[in-house]
Protein backbone atom coordinates (compact mmCIF):
# COMPACT_ATOMS: atom_id res chain seq x y z
CA UNK A 1 0.00 0.00 0.00
CA UNK A 2 1.49 3.34 -1.03
CA UNK A 3 0.15 6.67 0.21
CA UNK A 4 1.35 10.10 -0.84
CA UNK A 5 1.84 12.88 1.67
CA UNK A 6 0.12 16.07 0.55
CA UNK A 7 2.95 18.47 1.40
CA UNK A 8 6.08 16.62 0.34
CA UNK A 9 4.57 14.40 -2.36
CA UNK A 10 6.80 11.48 -1.37
CA UNK A 11 5.31 8.01 -0.92
CA UNK A 12 5.05 6.68 2.60
CA UNK A 13 7.33 3.75 3.35
CA UNK A 14 7.13 0.57 5.39
CA UNK A 15 8.48 2.57 8.37
CA UNK A 16 5.28 4.63 8.45
CA UNK A 17 2.76 4.17 11.22
CA UNK A 18 -1.00 4.54 10.96
CA UNK A 19 -2.31 7.72 9.38
CA UNK A 20 0.95 8.44 7.56
CA UNK A 21 2.97 9.21 10.71
CA UNK A 22 6.69 8.62 10.29
CA UNK A 23 8.66 7.00 13.11
CA UNK A 24 11.21 9.54 14.31
CA UNK A 25 13.82 6.80 14.68
CA UNK A 26 13.53 6.05 10.96
CA UNK A 27 12.83 9.39 9.25
CA UNK A 28 13.64 12.93 10.45
CA UNK A 29 11.45 15.86 9.37
CA UNK A 30 12.94 17.49 6.26
CA UNK A 31 12.71 21.12 7.41
CA UNK A 32 11.74 23.57 10.11
CA UNK A 33 7.94 23.66 10.10
CA UNK A 34 4.84 22.77 12.10
CA UNK A 35 4.02 19.08 12.49
CA UNK A 36 1.64 16.81 14.34
CA UNK A 37 3.45 14.35 16.60
CA UNK A 38 2.72 11.27 18.69
CA UNK A 39 4.46 11.35 22.08
CA UNK A 40 5.69 8.48 24.21
CA UNK A 41 2.62 9.03 26.42
CA UNK A 42 0.31 8.42 23.45
CA UNK A 43 -0.77 12.03 22.98
CA UNK A 44 -1.12 13.67 19.56
CA UNK A 45 0.23 17.23 19.77
CA UNK A 46 0.87 19.99 17.25
CA UNK A 47 4.53 21.07 17.41
CA UNK A 48 7.10 23.16 15.64
CA UNK A 49 10.30 21.34 14.69
CA UNK A 50 13.74 22.87 14.28
CA UNK A 51 17.17 21.32 13.88
CA UNK A 52 19.48 23.73 15.69
CA UNK A 53 23.19 22.95 15.57
CA UNK A 54 22.44 19.25 15.11
CA UNK A 55 19.87 19.08 17.92
CA UNK A 56 16.23 18.22 17.25
CA UNK A 57 14.03 20.79 19.02
CA UNK A 58 10.28 20.27 19.36
CA UNK A 59 8.16 23.09 20.78
CA UNK A 60 4.43 23.12 21.29
CA UNK A 61 2.39 25.98 19.93
CA UNK A 62 0.82 26.40 23.35
CA UNK A 63 2.63 29.14 25.30
CA UNK A 64 5.80 28.18 23.37
CA UNK A 65 6.90 25.63 25.99
CA UNK A 66 9.19 22.78 25.12
CA UNK A 67 7.52 19.41 24.87
CA UNK A 68 8.50 17.44 27.99
CA UNK A 69 7.59 14.14 26.35
CA UNK A 70 9.58 12.15 23.83
CA UNK A 71 8.44 12.45 20.22
CA UNK A 72 7.92 8.98 18.75
CA UNK A 73 6.41 9.77 15.35
CA UNK A 74 5.53 12.83 13.24
CA UNK A 75 3.49 13.83 10.20
CA UNK A 76 2.89 16.93 8.15
CA UNK A 77 -0.06 19.07 9.18
CA UNK A 78 -2.79 19.13 6.56
């Protein structure tokens, strides 16, 4: 089964999880942008991603606090 992501137009791979989420251990987000993520506590949260000096930084849009949970998977916002 091959799905196409609306924003990047690349087919999803076997590493994808349900709903076209990409496992963070397998695929990093391609750019600084807003994404929807699944955390290690099972929550789905909207976040902004940035790779700053080689460090992955995830911030929530709510009061601009850092996400204190581990990001497990991500997907583009529609």
